[in-house]
C-alpha atoms as a PDB file:
ATOM      1  CA  UNK A   1     108.146 130.155 121.932  1.00  0.00           C
ATOM      2  CA  UNK A   2     107.964 126.478 122.593  1.00  0.00           C
ATOM      3  CA  UNK A   3     108.237 124.080 119.671  1.00  0.00           C
ATOM      4  CA  UNK A   4     105.004 122.474 118.593  1.00  0.00           C
ATOM      5  CA  UNK A   5     104.650 118.920 119.878  1.00  0.00           C
ATOM      6  CA  UNK A   6     104.964 116.109 117.403  1.00  0.00           C
ATOM      7  CA  UNK A   7     101.519 114.939 116.236  1.00  0.00           C
ATOM      8  CA  UNK A   8     100.309 111.743 117.848  1.00  0.00           C
ATOM      9  CA  UNK A   9     100.336 108.942 115.271  1.00  0.00           C
ATOM     10  CA  UNK A  10      96.930 107.568 114.404  1.00  0.00           C
ATOM     11  CA  UNK A  11      96.174 104.209 116.007  1.00  0.00           C
ATOM     12  CA  UNK A  12      96.318 101.258 113.617  1.00  0.00           C
ATOM     13  CA  UNK A  13      93.030 100.477 111.948  1.00  0.00           C
ATOM     14  CA  UNK A  14      91.369  97.324 113.229  1.00  0.00           C
ATOM     15  CA  UNK A  15      89.769  94.630 111.066  1.00  0.00           C
ATOM     16  CA  UNK A  16      85.998  94.698 111.059  1.00  0.00           C
ATOM     17  CA  UNK A  17      83.031  92.572 110.048  1.00  0.00           C
ATOM     18  CA  UNK A  18      80.469  94.287 107.841  1.00  0.00           C
ATOM     19  CA  UNK A  19      77.132  92.594 107.260  1.00  0.00           C
ATOM     20  CA  UNK A  20      76.164  93.026 103.623  1.00  0.00           C
ATOM     21  CA  UNK A  21      73.034  90.840 103.789  1.00  0.00           C
ATOM     22  CA  UNK A  22      71.540  88.434 106.363  1.00  0.00           C
ATOM     23  CA  UNK A  23      74.177  85.770 106.942  1.00  0.00           C
ATOM     24  CA  UNK A  24      76.679  87.440 104.598  1.00  0.00           C
ATOM     25  CA  UNK A  25      79.624  89.386 105.990  1.00  0.00           C
ATOM     26  CA  UNK A  26      82.748  91.056 104.648  1.00  0.00           C
ATOM     27  CA  UNK A  27      85.806  90.857 106.895  1.00  0.00           C
ATOM     28  CA  UNK A  28      87.775  93.986 106.025  1.00  0.00           C
ATOM     29  CA  UNK A  29      91.423  94.539 106.955  1.00  0.00           C
ATOM     30  CA  UNK A  30      92.190  98.253 106.534  1.00  0.00           C
ATOM     31  CA  UNK A  31      93.721  99.839 104.703  1.00  0.00           C
ATOM     32  CA  UNK A  32      94.117  97.082 102.151  1.00  0.00           C
ATOM     33  CA  UNK A  33      97.860  97.407 101.471  1.00  0.00           C
ATOM     34  CA  UNK A  34     100.290  94.594 100.731  1.00  0.00           C
ATOM     35  CA  UNK A  35      99.234  91.395 102.587  1.00  0.00           C
ATOM     36  CA  UNK A  36      96.155  92.986 104.202  1.00  0.00           C
ATOM     37  CA  UNK A  37      93.549  90.915 102.396  1.00  0.00           C
ATOM     38  CA  UNK A  38      89.822  90.711 103.019  1.00  0.00           C
ATOM     39  CA  UNK A  39      87.705  87.633 103.658  1.00  0.00           C
ATOM     40  CA  UNK A  40      84.062  86.710 103.301  1.00  0.00           C
ATOM     41  CA  UNK A  41      81.951  84.998 105.954  1.00  0.00           C
ATOM     42  CA  UNK A  42      78.809  83.072 104.980  1.00  0.00           C
ATOM     43  CA  UNK A  43      76.714  81.865 107.918  1.00  0.00           C
ATOM     44  CA  UNK A  44      73.919  79.321 107.582  1.00  0.00           C
ATOM     45  CA  UNK A  45      71.729  77.603 110.168  1.00  0.00           C
ATOM     46  CA  UNK A  46      74.117  74.696 110.541  1.00  0.00           C
ATOM     47  CA  UNK A  47      77.289  75.573 108.626  1.00  0.00           C
ATOM     48  CA  UNK A  48      79.769  78.391 108.053  1.00  0.00           C
ATOM     49  CA  UNK A  49      82.012  79.090 105.065  1.00  0.00           C
ATOM     50  CA  UNK A  50      84.859  81.516 104.550  1.00  0.00           C
ATOM     51  CA  UNK A  51      86.015  83.137 101.341  1.00  0.00           C
ATOM     52  CA  UNK A  52      89.813  83.367 101.827  1.00  0.00           C
ATOM     53  CA  UNK A  53      91.467  83.695 105.239  1.00  0.00           C
ATOM     54  CA  UNK A  54      94.536  85.790 106.143  1.00  0.00           C
ATOM     55  CA  UNK A  55      98.305  86.054 105.758  1.00  0.00           C
ATOM     56  CA  UNK A  56      99.576  85.356 109.275  1.00  0.00           C
ATOM     57  CA  UNK A  57      98.634  83.203 112.249  1.00  0.00           C
ATOM     58  CA  UNK A  58      97.860  86.293 114.331  1.00  0.00           C
ATOM     59  CA  UNK A  59      95.522  87.724 111.743  1.00  0.00           C
ATOM     60  CA  UNK A  60      93.904  84.332 111.166  1.00  0.00           C
ATOM     61  CA  UNK A  61      93.170  84.070 114.889  1.00  0.00           C
ATOM     62  CA  UNK A  62      91.571  87.507 114.744  1.00  0.00           C
ATOM     63  CA  UNK A  63      89.392  86.368 111.839  1.00  0.00           C
ATOM     64  CA  UNK A  64      88.360  83.264 113.737  1.00  0.00           C
ATOM     65  CA  UNK A  65      87.486  85.371 116.802  1.00  0.00           C
ATOM     66  CA  UNK A  66      85.438  87.754 114.669  1.00  0.00           C
ATOM     67  CA  UNK A  67      83.420  84.880 113.219  1.00  0.00           C
ATOM     68  CA  UNK A  68      82.792  83.591 116.747  1.00  0.00           C
ATOM     69  CA  UNK A  69      81.086  86.898 117.613  1.00  0.00           C
ATOM     70  CA  UNK A  70      78.384  86.069 115.044  1.00  0.00           C
ATOM     71  CA  UNK A  71      77.994  82.290 115.372  1.00  0.00           C
ATOM     72  CA  UNK A  72      79.137  79.430 117.631  1.00  0.00           C
ATOM     73  CA  UNK A  73      79.405  77.132 114.607  1.00  0.00           C
ATOM     74  CA  UNK A  74      82.847  76.108 113.357  1.00  0.00           C
ATOM     75  CA  UNK A  75      83.896  76.927 109.815  1.00  0.00           C
ATOM     76  CA  UNK A  76      83.315  73.855 107.658  1.00  0.00           C
ATOM     77  CA  UNK A  77      84.400  75.180 104.243  1.00  0.00           C
ATOM     78  CA  UNK A  78      87.004  77.639 102.974  1.00  0.00           C
ATOM     79  CA  UNK A  79      86.859  78.878  99.387  1.00  0.00           C
ATOM     80  CA  UNK A  80      90.140  80.297  98.083  1.00  0.00           C
ATOM     81  CA  UNK A  81      89.929  82.904  95.351  1.00  0.00           C
ATOM     82  CA  UNK A  82      93.554  82.417  94.194  1.00  0.00           C
ATOM     83  CA  UNK A  83      96.961  81.100  95.232  1.00  0.00           C
ATOM     84  CA  UNK A  84      98.622  84.134  96.848  1.00  0.00           C
ATOM     85  CA  UNK A  85      99.628  83.410 100.424  1.00  0.00           C
ATOM     86  CA  UNK A  86      98.143  86.553 101.921  1.00  0.00           C
ATOM     87  CA  UNK A  87      94.749  84.994 101.180  1.00  0.00           C
ATOM     88  CA  UNK A  88      95.348  81.460 102.446  1.00  0.00           C
ATOM     89  CA  UNK A  89      98.383  81.112 104.741  1.00  0.00           C
ATOM     90  CA  UNK A  90      96.113  81.410 107.774  1.00  0.00           C
ATOM     91  CA  UNK A  91      93.618  78.731 106.721  1.00  0.00           C
ATOM     92  CA  UNK A  92      94.830  76.050 109.131  1.00  0.00           C
ATOM     93  CA  UNK A  93      94.505  78.555 111.999  1.00  0.00           C
ATOM     94  CA  UNK A  94      91.248  80.270 111.039  1.00  0.00           C
ATOM     95  CA  UNK A  95      89.447  77.067 110.036  1.00  0.00           C
ATOM     96  CA  UNK A  96      91.229  73.926 111.237  1.00  0.00           C
ATOM     97  CA  UNK A  97      89.806  70.798 109.637  1.00  0.00           C
ATOM     98  CA  UNK A  98      87.697  72.682 107.102  1.00  0.00           C
ATOM     99  CA  UNK A  99      87.292  71.506 103.534  1.00  0.00           C
ATOM    100  CA  UNK A 100      89.249  73.800 101.207  1.00  0.00           C
ATOM    101  CA  UNK A 101      87.836  74.547  97.755  1.00  0.00           C
ATOM    102  CA  UNK A 102      89.673  76.284  94.895  1.00  0.00           C
ATOM    103  CA  UNK A 103      90.280  76.253  91.169  1.00  0.00           C
ATOM    104  CA  UNK A 104      92.535  73.442  89.982  1.00  0.00           C
ATOM    105  CA  UNK A 105      95.212  75.953  88.916  1.00  0.00           C
ATOM    106  CA  UNK A 106      95.201  77.462  92.386  1.00  0.00           C
ATOM    107  CA  UNK A 107      95.926  74.107  93.984  1.00  0.00           C
ATOM    108  CA  UNK A 108      98.718  73.480  91.518  1.00  0.00           C
ATOM    109  CA  UNK A 109     100.324  76.865  92.239  1.00  0.00           C
ATOM    110  CA  UNK A 110      99.913  76.491  95.995  1.00  0.00           C
ATOM    111  CA  UNK A 111     101.640  73.117  95.899  1.00  0.00           C
ATOM    112  CA  UNK A 112     104.435  74.495  93.730  1.00  0.00           C
ATOM    113  CA  UNK A 113     105.082  77.635  95.749  1.00  0.00           C
ATOM    114  CA  UNK A 114     104.372  76.358  99.253  1.00  0.00           C
ATOM    115  CA  UNK A 115     105.113  79.024 101.871  1.00  0.00           C
ATOM    116  CA  UNK A 116     107.689  80.824  99.714  1.00  0.00           C
ATOM    117  CA  UNK A 117     105.989  84.188 100.218  1.00  0.00           C
ATOM    118  CA  UNK A 118     107.601  84.240 103.655  1.00  0.00           C
ATOM    119  CA  UNK A 119     110.973  84.627 101.923  1.00  0.00           C
ATOM    120  CA  UNK A 120     109.806  87.799 100.185  1.00  0.00           C
ATOM    121  CA  UNK A 121     109.172  89.428 103.565  1.00  0.00           C
ATOM    122  CA  UNK A 122     111.362  87.566 106.088  1.00  0.00           C
ATOM    123  CA  UNK A 123     110.826  90.243 108.737  1.00  0.00           C
ATOM    124  CA  UNK A 124     107.087  89.552 108.947  1.00  0.00           C
ATOM    125  CA  UNK A 125     105.796  87.635 111.973  1.00  0.00           C
ATOM    126  CA  UNK A 126     104.080  84.880 110.018  1.00  0.00           C
ATOM    127  CA  UNK A 127     103.525  82.691 113.092  1.00  0.00           C
ATOM    128  CA  UNK A 128     102.786  78.977 113.017  1.00  0.00           C
ATOM    129  CA  UNK A 129     101.240  78.706 109.575  1.00  0.00           C
ATOM    130  CA  UNK A 130     100.913  75.469 107.635  1.00  0.00           C
ATOM    131  CA  UNK A 131      99.969  74.970 104.031  1.00  0.00           C
ATOM    132  CA  UNK A 132      96.364  73.777 103.704  1.00  0.00           C
ATOM    133  CA  UNK A 133      96.032  72.580 100.123  1.00  0.00           C
ATOM    134  CA  UNK A 134      92.578  72.489  98.548  1.00  0.00           C
ATOM    135  CA  UNK A 135      90.778  69.204  99.071  1.00  0.00           C
ATOM    136  CA  UNK A 136      88.228  69.916  96.344  1.00  0.00           C
ATOM    137  CA  UNK A 137      88.996  71.581  93.012  1.00  0.00           C
ATOM    138  CA  UNK A 138      86.984  72.439  89.919  1.00  0.00           C
ATOM    139  CA  UNK A 139      87.598  73.857  86.465  1.00  0.00           C
ATOM    140  CA  UNK A 140      84.780  76.192  85.435  1.00  0.00           C
ATOM    141  CA  UNK A 141      81.920  76.442  87.926  1.00  0.00           C
ATOM    142  CA  UNK A 142      80.730  75.000  91.210  1.00  0.00           C
ATOM    143  CA  UNK A 143      77.879  75.747  93.581  1.00  0.00           C
ATOM    144  CA  UNK A 144      78.242  76.006  97.365  1.00  0.00           C
ATOM    145  CA  UNK A 145      75.193  75.980  99.623  1.00  0.00           C
ATOM    146  CA  UNK A 146      75.509  77.436 103.114  1.00  0.00           C
ATOM    147  CA  UNK A 147      72.130  77.037 104.755  1.00  0.00           C
ATOM    148  CA  UNK A 148      69.724  79.085 102.637  1.00  0.00           C
ATOM    149  CA  UNK A 149      72.566  80.896 100.892  1.00  0.00           C
ATOM    150  CA  UNK A 150      73.550  79.841  97.377  1.00  0.00           C
ATOM    151  CA  UNK A 151      77.026  80.824  96.235  1.00  0.00           C
ATOM    152  CA  UNK A 152      78.220  80.294  92.680  1.00  0.00           C
ATOM    153  CA  UNK A 153      81.975  79.763  92.344  1.00  0.00           C
ATOM    154  CA  UNK A 154      83.026  80.995  88.914  1.00  0.00           C
ATOM    155  CA  UNK A 155      86.406  80.713  87.218  1.00  0.00           C
ATOM    156  CA  UNK A 156      86.755  83.894  85.178  1.00  0.00           C
ATOM    157  CA  UNK A 157      89.901  83.027  83.253  1.00  0.00           C
ATOM    158  CA  UNK A 158      93.404  84.384  83.749  1.00  0.00           C
ATOM    159  CA  UNK A 159      93.113  87.816  85.362  1.00  0.00           C
ATOM    160  CA  UNK A 160      94.979  88.528  88.612  1.00  0.00           C
ATOM    161  CA  UNK A 161      96.366  84.971  88.409  1.00  0.00           C
ATOM    162  CA  UNK A 162      95.663  81.902  86.276  1.00  0.00           C
ATOM    163  CA  UNK A 163      93.267  80.419  88.812  1.00  0.00           C
ATOM    164  CA  UNK A 164      91.027  83.305  89.862  1.00  0.00           C
ATOM    165  CA  UNK A 165      87.540  82.502  90.998  1.00  0.00           C
ATOM    166  CA  UNK A 166      84.847  84.820  92.262  1.00  0.00           C
ATOM    167  CA  UNK A 167      82.072  83.939  94.686  1.00  0.00           C
ATOM    168  CA  UNK A 168      78.735  85.248  93.435  1.00  0.00           C
ATOM    169  CA  UNK A 169      75.555  85.293  95.521  1.00  0.00           C
ATOM    170  CA  UNK A 170      72.893  85.873  92.844  1.00  0.00           C
ATOM    171  CA  UNK A 171      69.924  86.311  95.195  1.00  0.00           C
ATOM    172  CA  UNK A 172      71.718  88.990  97.217  1.00  0.00           C
ATOM    173  CA  UNK A 173      73.707  90.341  94.203  1.00  0.00           C
ATOM    174  CA  UNK A 174      76.879  90.279  96.289  1.00  0.00           C
ATOM    175  CA  UNK A 175      80.206  89.578  94.594  1.00  0.00           C
ATOM    176  CA  UNK A 176      83.331  88.407  96.428  1.00  0.00           C
ATOM    177  CA  UNK A 177      85.843  89.242  93.719  1.00  0.00           C
ATOM    178  CA  UNK A 178      89.193  88.238  95.204  1.00  0.00           C
ATOM    179  CA  UNK A 179      92.058  90.335  93.846  1.00  0.00           C
ATOM    180  CA  UNK A 180      90.483  90.764  90.425  1.00  0.00           C
ATOM    181  CA  UNK A 181      88.849  93.850  91.949  1.00  0.00           C
ATOM    182  CA  UNK A 182      90.452  95.793  94.809  1.00  0.00           C
ATOM    183  CA  UNK A 183      88.502  98.976  95.618  1.00  0.00           C
ATOM    184  CA  UNK A 184      90.759 101.914  96.395  1.00  0.00           C
ATOM    185  CA  UNK A 185      93.890  99.891  95.571  1.00  0.00           C
ATOM    186  CA  UNK A 186      96.018  99.674  92.454  1.00  0.00           C
ATOM    187  CA  UNK A 187      95.279  96.519  90.431  1.00  0.00           C
ATOM    188  CA  UNK A 188      98.055  93.923  90.236  1.00  0.00           C
ATOM    189  CA  UNK A 189      98.288  91.619  87.225  1.00  0.00           C
ATOM    190  CA  UNK A 190     101.962  90.607  87.216  1.00  0.00           C
ATOM    191  CA  UNK A 191     100.994  86.906  87.481  1.00  0.00           C
ATOM    192  CA  UNK A 192      97.919  87.166  85.310  1.00  0.00           C
ATOM    193  CA  UNK A 193      96.819  89.236  82.346  1.00  0.00           C
ATOM    194  CA  UNK A 194      95.843  92.791  81.453  1.00  0.00           C
ATOM    195  CA  UNK A 195      93.595  91.676  78.598  1.00  0.00           C
ATOM    196  CA  UNK A 196      92.270  88.761  80.636  1.00  0.00           C
ATOM    197  CA  UNK A 197      91.292  91.057  83.488  1.00  0.00           C
ATOM    198  CA  UNK A 198      89.512  93.392  81.080  1.00  0.00           C
ATOM    199  CA  UNK A 199      87.530  90.431  79.769  1.00  0.00           C
ATOM    200  CA  UNK A 200      86.802  89.278  83.318  1.00  0.00           C
ATOM    201  CA  UNK A 201      85.496  92.729  84.219  1.00  0.00           C
ATOM    202  CA  UNK A 202      82.935  92.593  81.422  1.00  0.00           C
ATOM    203  CA  UNK A 203      81.861  89.131  82.526  1.00  0.00           C
ATOM    204  CA  UNK A 204      81.430  90.389  86.080  1.00  0.00           C
ATOM    205  CA  UNK A 205      79.574  93.462  84.860  1.00  0.00           C
ATOM    206  CA  UNK A 206      77.036  91.158  83.222  1.00  0.00           C
ATOM    207  CA  UNK A 207      76.217  89.747  86.672  1.00  0.00           C
ATOM    208  CA  UNK A 208      75.060  93.244  87.717  1.00  0.00           C
ATOM    209  CA  UNK A 209      76.442  93.114  91.268  1.00  0.00           C
ATOM    210  CA  UNK A 210      75.077  95.602  93.793  1.00  0.00           C
ATOM    211  CA  UNK A 211      77.842  95.018  96.364  1.00  0.00           C
ATOM    212  CA  UNK A 212      81.474  94.172  95.609  1.00  0.00           C
ATOM    213  CA  UNK A 213      83.833  92.809  98.251  1.00  0.00           C
ATOM    214  CA  UNK A 214      87.298  92.942  96.757  1.00  0.00           C
ATOM    215  CA  UNK A 215      90.356  91.070  97.881  1.00  0.00           C
ATOM    216  CA  UNK A 216      91.689  94.299  99.411  1.00  0.00           C
ATOM    217  CA  UNK A 217      90.124  97.651 100.227  1.00  0.00           C
ATOM    218  CA  UNK A 218      86.672  98.730 101.437  1.00  0.00           C
ATOM    219  CA  UNK A 219      83.319  97.290 100.451  1.00  0.00           C
ATOM    220  CA  UNK A 220      82.245  98.975  97.224  1.00  0.00           C
ATOM    221  CA  UNK A 221      79.605  99.044  94.544  1.00  0.00           C
ATOM    222  CA  UNK A 222      79.775  98.307  90.816  1.00  0.00           C
ATOM    223  CA  UNK A 223      81.764 101.496  90.195  1.00  0.00           C
ATOM    224  CA  UNK A 224      84.942  99.530  90.973  1.00  0.00           C
ATOM    225  CA  UNK A 225      84.428  97.714  87.664  1.00  0.00           C
ATOM    226  CA  UNK A 226      84.835 100.991  85.793  1.00  0.00           C
ATOM    227  CA  UNK A 227      87.763 102.175  87.901  1.00  0.00           C
ATOM    228  CA  UNK A 228      89.670  98.933  87.339  1.00  0.00           C
ATOM    229  CA  UNK A 229      88.884  98.889  83.607  1.00  0.00           C
ATOM    230  CA  UNK A 230      89.988 102.498  83.124  1.00  0.00           C
ATOM    231  CA  UNK A 231      93.246 101.932  85.009  1.00  0.00           C
ATOM    232  CA  UNK A 232      94.132  98.864  82.954  1.00  0.00           C
ATOM    233  CA  UNK A 233      93.334 100.655  79.706  1.00  0.00           C
ATOM    234  CA  UNK A 234      95.782 103.362  80.821  1.00  0.00           C
ATOM    235  CA  UNK A 235      98.389 100.656  81.481  1.00  0.00           C
ATOM    236  CA  UNK A 236      97.880  99.076  78.069  1.00  0.00           C
ATOM    237  CA  UNK A 237      98.145 102.447  76.317  1.00  0.00           C
ATOM    238  CA  UNK A 238     101.307 103.312  78.262  1.00  0.00           C
ATOM    239  CA  UNK A 239     102.845  99.940  77.394  1.00  0.00           C
ATOM    240  CA  UNK A 240     102.237 100.443  73.688  1.00  0.00           C
ATOM    241  CA  UNK A 241     103.749 103.917  73.882  1.00  0.00           C
ATOM    242  CA  UNK A 242     106.753 102.677  75.853  1.00  0.00           C
ATOM    243  CA  UNK A 243     107.423  99.785  73.505  1.00  0.00           C
ATOM    244  CA  UNK A 244     107.254 102.061  70.490  1.00  0.00           C
ATOM    245  CA  UNK A 245     109.764 104.419  72.134  1.00  0.00           C
ATOM    246  CA  UNK A 246     112.122 101.600  73.133  1.00  0.00           C
ATOM    247  CA  UNK A 247     111.651 102.286  76.859  1.00  0.00           C
ATOM    248  CA  UNK A 248     111.758  99.708  79.654  1.00  0.00           C
ATOM    249  CA  UNK A 249     108.653  99.128  81.804  1.00  0.00           C
ATOM    250  CA  UNK A 250     110.289 101.076  84.638  1.00  0.00           C
ATOM    251  CA  UNK A 251     111.157 104.009  82.377  1.00  0.00           C
ATOM    252  CA  UNK A 252     107.610 104.031  81.053  1.00  0.00           C
ATOM    253  CA  UNK A 253     106.184 103.916  84.583  1.00  0.00           C
ATOM    254  CA  UNK A 254     108.315 106.860  85.688  1.00  0.00           C
ATOM    255  CA  UNK A 255     106.996 108.885  82.752  1.00  0.00           C
ATOM    256  CA  UNK A 256     103.332 107.912  83.079  1.00  0.00           C
ATOM    257  CA  UNK A 257     100.739 110.294  84.536  1.00  0.00           C
ATOM    258  CA  UNK A 258      98.273 108.234  86.538  1.00  0.00           C
ATOM    259  CA  UNK A 259      95.726 111.078  86.326  1.00  0.00           C
ATOM    260  CA  UNK A 260      92.553 110.187  88.208  1.00  0.00           C
ATOM    261  CA  UNK A 261      94.167 106.979  89.474  1.00  0.00           C
ATOM    262  CA  UNK A 262      96.863 108.816  91.445  1.00  0.00           C
ATOM    263  CA  UNK A 263      95.096 108.237  94.760  1.00  0.00           C
ATOM    264  CA  UNK A 264      94.968 104.445  94.491  1.00  0.00           C
ATOM    265  CA  UNK A 265      96.847 102.539  97.195  1.00  0.00           C
ATOM    266  CA  UNK A 266     100.255 101.049  96.247  1.00  0.00           C
ATOM    267  CA  UNK A 267     100.818 102.955  92.983  1.00  0.00           C
ATOM    268  CA  UNK A 268     104.197 101.215  92.486  1.00  0.00           C
ATOM    269  CA  UNK A 269     102.263  98.280  91.060  1.00  0.00           C
ATOM    270  CA  UNK A 270     102.226 100.257  87.825  1.00  0.00           C
ATOM    271  CA  UNK A 271     105.728  98.913  87.159  1.00  0.00           C
ATOM    272  CA  UNK A 272     104.598  95.296  87.571  1.00  0.00           C
ATOM    273  CA  UNK A 273     101.493  95.845  85.492  1.00  0.00           C
ATOM    274  CA  UNK A 274     103.603  97.327  82.698  1.00  0.00           C
ATOM    275  CA  UNK A 275     105.856  94.267  82.749  1.00  0.00           C
ATOM    276  CA  UNK A 276     102.773  92.135  82.143  1.00  0.00           C
ATOM    277  CA  UNK A 277     101.437  94.491  79.482  1.00  0.00           C
ATOM    278  CA  UNK A 278     104.811  94.539  77.694  1.00  0.00           C
ATOM    279  CA  UNK A 279     104.830  90.734  77.689  1.00  0.00           C
ATOM    280  CA  UNK A 280     101.326  90.522  76.264  1.00  0.00           C
ATOM    281  CA  UNK A 281     101.940  93.209  73.642  1.00  0.00           C
ATOM    282  CA  UNK A 282     105.022  91.217  72.612  1.00  0.00           C
ATOM    283  CA  UNK A 283     102.963  88.070  72.107  1.00  0.00           C
ATOM    284  CA  UNK A 284     103.484  86.181  75.387  1.00  0.00           C
ATOM    285  CA  UNK A 285     100.482  84.092  76.474  1.00  0.00           C
ATOM    286  CA  UNK A 286      98.484  85.272  79.479  1.00  0.00           C
ATOM    287  CA  UNK A 287      99.946  84.042  82.743  1.00  0.00           C
ATOM    288  CA  UNK A 288     103.440  83.405  81.342  1.00  0.00           C
ATOM    289  CA  UNK A 289     105.722  83.538  84.371  1.00  0.00           C
ATOM    290  CA  UNK A 290     107.631  86.784  84.960  1.00  0.00           C
ATOM    291  CA  UNK A 291     110.287  86.691  87.686  1.00  0.00           C
ATOM    292  CA  UNK A 292     108.931  88.761  90.546  1.00  0.00           C
ATOM    293  CA  UNK A 293     112.152  89.605  92.460  1.00  0.00           C
ATOM    294  CA  UNK A 294     113.552  91.986  89.797  1.00  0.00           C
ATOM    295  CA  UNK A 295     110.120  93.559  89.390  1.00  0.00           C
ATOM    296  CA  UNK A 296     109.825  94.169  93.144  1.00  0.00           C
ATOM    297  CA  UNK A 297     113.226  95.875  93.024  1.00  0.00           C
ATOM    298  CA  UNK A 298     111.977  98.137  90.246  1.00  0.00           C
ATOM    299  CA  UNK A 299     108.810  98.919  92.200  1.00  0.00           C
ATOM    300  CA  UNK A 300     111.003 100.016  95.106  1.00  0.00           C
ATOM    301  CA  UNK A 301     112.959 102.257  92.697  1.00  0.00           C
ATOM    302  CA  UNK A 302     109.646 103.766  91.528  1.00  0.00           C
ATOM    303  CA  UNK A 303     108.927 104.504  95.199  1.00  0.00           C
ATOM    304  CA  UNK A 304     112.134 106.465  95.512  1.00  0.00           C
ATOM    305  CA  UNK A 305     114.000 103.509  96.984  1.00  0.00           C
ATOM    306  CA  UNK A 306     111.434 102.672  99.672  1.00  0.00           C
ATOM    307  CA  UNK A 307     111.096  98.878  99.972  1.00  0.00           C
ATOM    308  CA  UNK A 308     107.778  97.178  99.345  1.00  0.00           C
ATOM    309  CA  UNK A 309     106.409  96.555 102.828  1.00  0.00           C
ATOM    310  CA  UNK A 310     104.206  93.688 104.006  1.00  0.00           C
ATOM    311  CA  UNK A 311     101.663  95.182 106.418  1.00  0.00           C
ATOM    312  CA  UNK A 312     100.455  91.905 107.885  1.00  0.00           C
END
């Protein structure tokens, strides 16, 4: 008998543009793992706007090329949902010269952190990326008009980070949620708040979105609100149990049954989310900084020693 041949590995999934309404597109980077963030593309008669960009120069060029398949117009505005580099490092490549809009906290964090994310994953081919700081910031709400499209930019409090905004198209009922909602992926609130995200979810639910484009993962419907809420309630319950038992966040994570959330991408984020939940249950204000390097090491331990990999 001859040995069975090794199975042929599946080809890498390619980014794709999905039209969710006339002039409104989701740019999806499968399968939504670490550093594979989504973007939004709003196309008007005489202007184009992006919601976030990409992590690397190569992926930003791919985003720019995808936009060019739908319109010859250059991108004039980029809206950033938060400060994490996988959502904005590629801005100067994808949309050179564009106005950059974000929450005031996002600009502050971008200026403070610079391109430091590269040091977390030094083996990643980041390419020629340059920090493009927001040129326009706001505190609570702003309105962006792209041709006939009206987009409301809403700060929803401290959730995934301290500066999260969502982009809401009320006429189309389309929500670009940034990393507050990540369909099919494990939530990540290490730099934000468990309780704050739960409050944000109820605020977003009140909008009654029909389509949700998360910061990672596939285009979804409003069911992602329930999935994210239920996961975070599990995290909060586990944190209270772990604290009462005198366990560390890692020990609690290793003993927690994720139940119906087992299939979510990047389950090691449970460790990070428990660190945030422990801090909040112990009285720390939302968004209080927690050193990420030790937490990433614990997430790798949760994964059986496998390092946390940037897929960009």
